[in-house]
Amino acid sequence: MIAGGKTKLPGGVYKKRINNINLDRAIVLCRDGSNNWIFVGLFQKNELDNITDAELDDYQALAKIYAALSDEGISKLMIARELMEICNEK
């Protein structure tokens, strides 16, 4: 996620290219200084050029909720299967 191909939107929201042919996008949330990237939306560029202002507002609200969580809180969400770890590069 750290590598290029992402656009920082306001409020801890990022738009990330997720393949080499530049067709798919992910909406990702991240708090500053965190290694936790939360994928919350996927779309194809040919079906949707960008998210709406209302969707951005919703993602920003969700980013604030995740930013307030401690590592323990995130672990609890993973145990409850509310979040799923999809990659761990350690």
C-alpha atoms as a PDB file:
ATOM      1  CA  MET A   1       0.000   0.000   0.000  1.00  0.00           C
ATOM      2  CA  ILE A   2       2.909   2.296   0.689  1.00  0.00           C
ATOM      3  CA  ALA A   3       4.088   2.148  -2.933  1.00  0.00           C
ATOM      4  CA  GLY A   4       2.663   4.576  -5.512  1.00  0.00           C
ATOM      5  CA  GLY A   5      -0.626   4.460  -7.349  1.00  0.00           C
ATOM      6  CA  LYS A   6      -2.678   6.135  -4.664  1.00  0.00           C
ATOM      7  CA  THR A   7      -4.411   9.478  -4.310  1.00  0.00           C
ATOM      8  CA  LYS A   8      -4.857  11.005  -0.869  1.00  0.00           C
ATOM      9  CA  LEU A   9      -8.350  12.381  -0.416  1.00  0.00           C
ATOM     10  CA  PRO A  10      -9.345  14.487   2.607  1.00  0.00           C
ATOM     11  CA  GLY A  11      -9.937  12.923   6.019  1.00  0.00           C
ATOM     12  CA  GLY A  12      -7.785   9.788   5.966  1.00  0.00           C
ATOM     13  CA  VAL A  13      -9.323   8.438   2.747  1.00  0.00           C
ATOM     14  CA  TYR A  14      -7.245   7.165  -0.166  1.00  0.00           C
ATOM     15  CA  LYS A  15      -8.108   6.042  -3.675  1.00  0.00           C
ATOM     16  CA  LYS A  16      -5.712   3.265  -4.741  1.00  0.00           C
ATOM     17  CA  ARG A  17      -5.097   1.620  -8.106  1.00  0.00           C
ATOM     18  CA  ILE A  18      -5.068  -2.109  -7.460  1.00  0.00           C
ATOM     19  CA  ASN A  19      -3.856  -3.653 -10.703  1.00  0.00           C
ATOM     20  CA  ASN A  20      -1.272  -2.994 -13.383  1.00  0.00           C
ATOM     21  CA  ILE A  21      -3.736  -2.264 -16.176  1.00  0.00           C
ATOM     22  CA  ASN A  22      -5.213   0.746 -14.349  1.00  0.00           C
ATOM     23  CA  LEU A  23      -8.841  -0.440 -14.373  1.00  0.00           C
ATOM     24  CA  ASP A  24      -9.710  -1.121 -10.732  1.00  0.00           C
ATOM     25  CA  ARG A  25      -9.756   1.167  -7.708  1.00  0.00           C
ATOM     26  CA  ALA A  26     -10.026   0.604  -3.986  1.00  0.00           C
ATOM     27  CA  ILE A  27     -11.135   3.069  -1.365  1.00  0.00           C
ATOM     28  CA  VAL A  28      -8.844   2.679   1.620  1.00  0.00           C
ATOM     29  CA  LEU A  29      -8.839   4.297   5.066  1.00  0.00           C
ATOM     30  CA  CYS A  30      -5.709   4.929   7.094  1.00  0.00           C
ATOM     31  CA  ARG A  31      -4.848   6.962  10.150  1.00  0.00           C
ATOM     32  CA  ASP A  32      -1.590   8.905  10.079  1.00  0.00           C
ATOM     33  CA  GLY A  33       1.360   6.866  11.287  1.00  0.00           C
ATOM     34  CA  SER A  34      -0.557   3.586  11.204  1.00  0.00           C
ATOM     35  CA  ASN A  35       0.229   0.391   9.335  1.00  0.00           C
ATOM     36  CA  ASN A  36      -3.463  -0.521   9.319  1.00  0.00           C
ATOM     37  CA  TRP A  37      -5.014   0.094   5.921  1.00  0.00           C
ATOM     38  CA  ILE A  38      -8.741  -0.628   5.848  1.00  0.00           C
ATOM     39  CA  PHE A  39     -10.172  -1.462   2.417  1.00  0.00           C
ATOM     40  CA  VAL A  40     -13.797  -0.302   2.387  1.00  0.00           C
ATOM     41  CA  GLY A  41     -14.765  -0.109  -1.269  1.00  0.00           C
ATOM     42  CA  LEU A  42     -13.860  -1.414  -4.713  1.00  0.00           C
ATOM     43  CA  PHE A  43     -14.922  -0.177  -8.115  1.00  0.00           C
ATOM     44  CA  GLN A  44     -13.931  -0.390 -11.755  1.00  0.00           C
ATOM     45  CA  LYS A  45     -12.819   2.841 -13.351  1.00  0.00           C
ATOM     46  CA  ASN A  46     -14.886   2.144 -16.484  1.00  0.00           C
ATOM     47  CA  GLU A  47     -18.061   1.862 -14.354  1.00  0.00           C
ATOM     48  CA  LEU A  48     -17.418   4.749 -11.961  1.00  0.00           C
ATOM     49  CA  ASP A  49     -14.996   7.596 -12.614  1.00  0.00           C
ATOM     50  CA  ASN A  50     -14.896   8.723  -9.001  1.00  0.00           C
ATOM     51  CA  ILE A  51     -16.814   8.572  -5.744  1.00  0.00           C
ATOM     52  CA  THR A  52     -19.448  11.205  -5.004  1.00  0.00           C
ATOM     53  CA  ASP A  53     -19.096  13.937  -2.391  1.00  0.00           C
ATOM     54  CA  ALA A  54     -21.695  12.136  -0.253  1.00  0.00           C
ATOM     55  CA  GLU A  55     -19.698   8.887  -0.453  1.00  0.00           C
ATOM     56  CA  LEU A  56     -16.528  10.760   0.482  1.00  0.00           C
ATOM     57  CA  ASP A  57     -18.335  12.232   3.511  1.00  0.00           C
ATOM     58  CA  ASP A  58     -19.379   8.714   4.564  1.00  0.00           C
ATOM     59  CA  TYR A  59     -15.851   7.338   4.123  1.00  0.00           C
ATOM     60  CA  GLN A  60     -14.424  10.267   6.122  1.00  0.00           C
ATOM     61  CA  ALA A  61     -16.853   9.557   8.969  1.00  0.00           C
ATOM     62  CA  LEU A  62     -15.826   5.901   8.921  1.00  0.00           C
ATOM     63  CA  ALA A  63     -12.135   6.895   8.842  1.00  0.00           C
ATOM     64  CA  LYS A  64     -12.652   8.923  12.043  1.00  0.00           C
ATOM     65  CA  ILE A  65     -14.157   5.885  13.749  1.00  0.00           C
ATOM     66  CA  TYR A  66     -11.247   3.651  12.733  1.00  0.00           C
ATOM     67  CA  ALA A  67      -8.693   6.331  13.658  1.00  0.00           C
ATOM     68  CA  ALA A  68     -10.070   6.392  17.203  1.00  0.00           C
ATOM     69  CA  LEU A  69      -9.608   2.640  17.638  1.00  0.00           C
ATOM     70  CA  SER A  70      -6.641   1.300  19.551  1.00  0.00           C
ATOM     71  CA  ASP A  71      -4.676  -1.670  18.258  1.00  0.00           C
ATOM     72  CA  GLU A  72      -6.603  -3.726  20.823  1.00  0.00           C
ATOM     73  CA  GLY A  73      -9.878  -2.424  19.399  1.00  0.00           C
ATOM     74  CA  ILE A  74      -8.829  -3.416  15.895  1.00  0.00           C
ATOM     75  CA  SER A  75      -7.812  -6.864  17.191  1.00  0.00           C
ATOM     76  CA  LYS A  76     -11.245  -7.278  18.781  1.00  0.00           C
ATOM     77  CA  LEU A  77     -12.923  -6.425  15.470  1.00  0.00           C
ATOM     78  CA  MET A  78     -10.750  -9.026  13.748  1.00  0.00           C
ATOM     79  CA  ILE A  79     -11.634 -11.666  16.353  1.00  0.00           C
ATOM     80  CA  ALA A  80     -15.324 -10.818  15.868  1.00  0.00           C
ATOM     81  CA  ARG A  81     -14.742 -11.095  12.092  1.00  0.00           C
ATOM     82  CA  GLU A  82     -15.877  -7.508  11.560  1.00  0.00           C
ATOM     83  CA  LEU A  83     -12.448  -6.889   9.981  1.00  0.00           C
ATOM     84  CA  MET A  84     -10.275  -9.362   8.129  1.00  0.00           C
ATOM     85  CA  GLU A  85      -6.547  -9.180   7.624  1.00  0.00           C
ATOM     86  CA  ILE A  86      -5.847  -9.774   3.948  1.00  0.00           C
ATOM     87  CA  CYS A  87      -2.090  -9.305   3.915  1.00  0.00           C
ATOM     88  CA  ASN A  88       0.689  -9.161   6.463  1.00  0.00           C
ATOM     89  CA  GLU A  89       4.063  -8.349   4.944  1.00  0.00           C
ATOM     90  CA  LYS A  90       6.047  -8.887   8.179  1.00  0.00           C
END
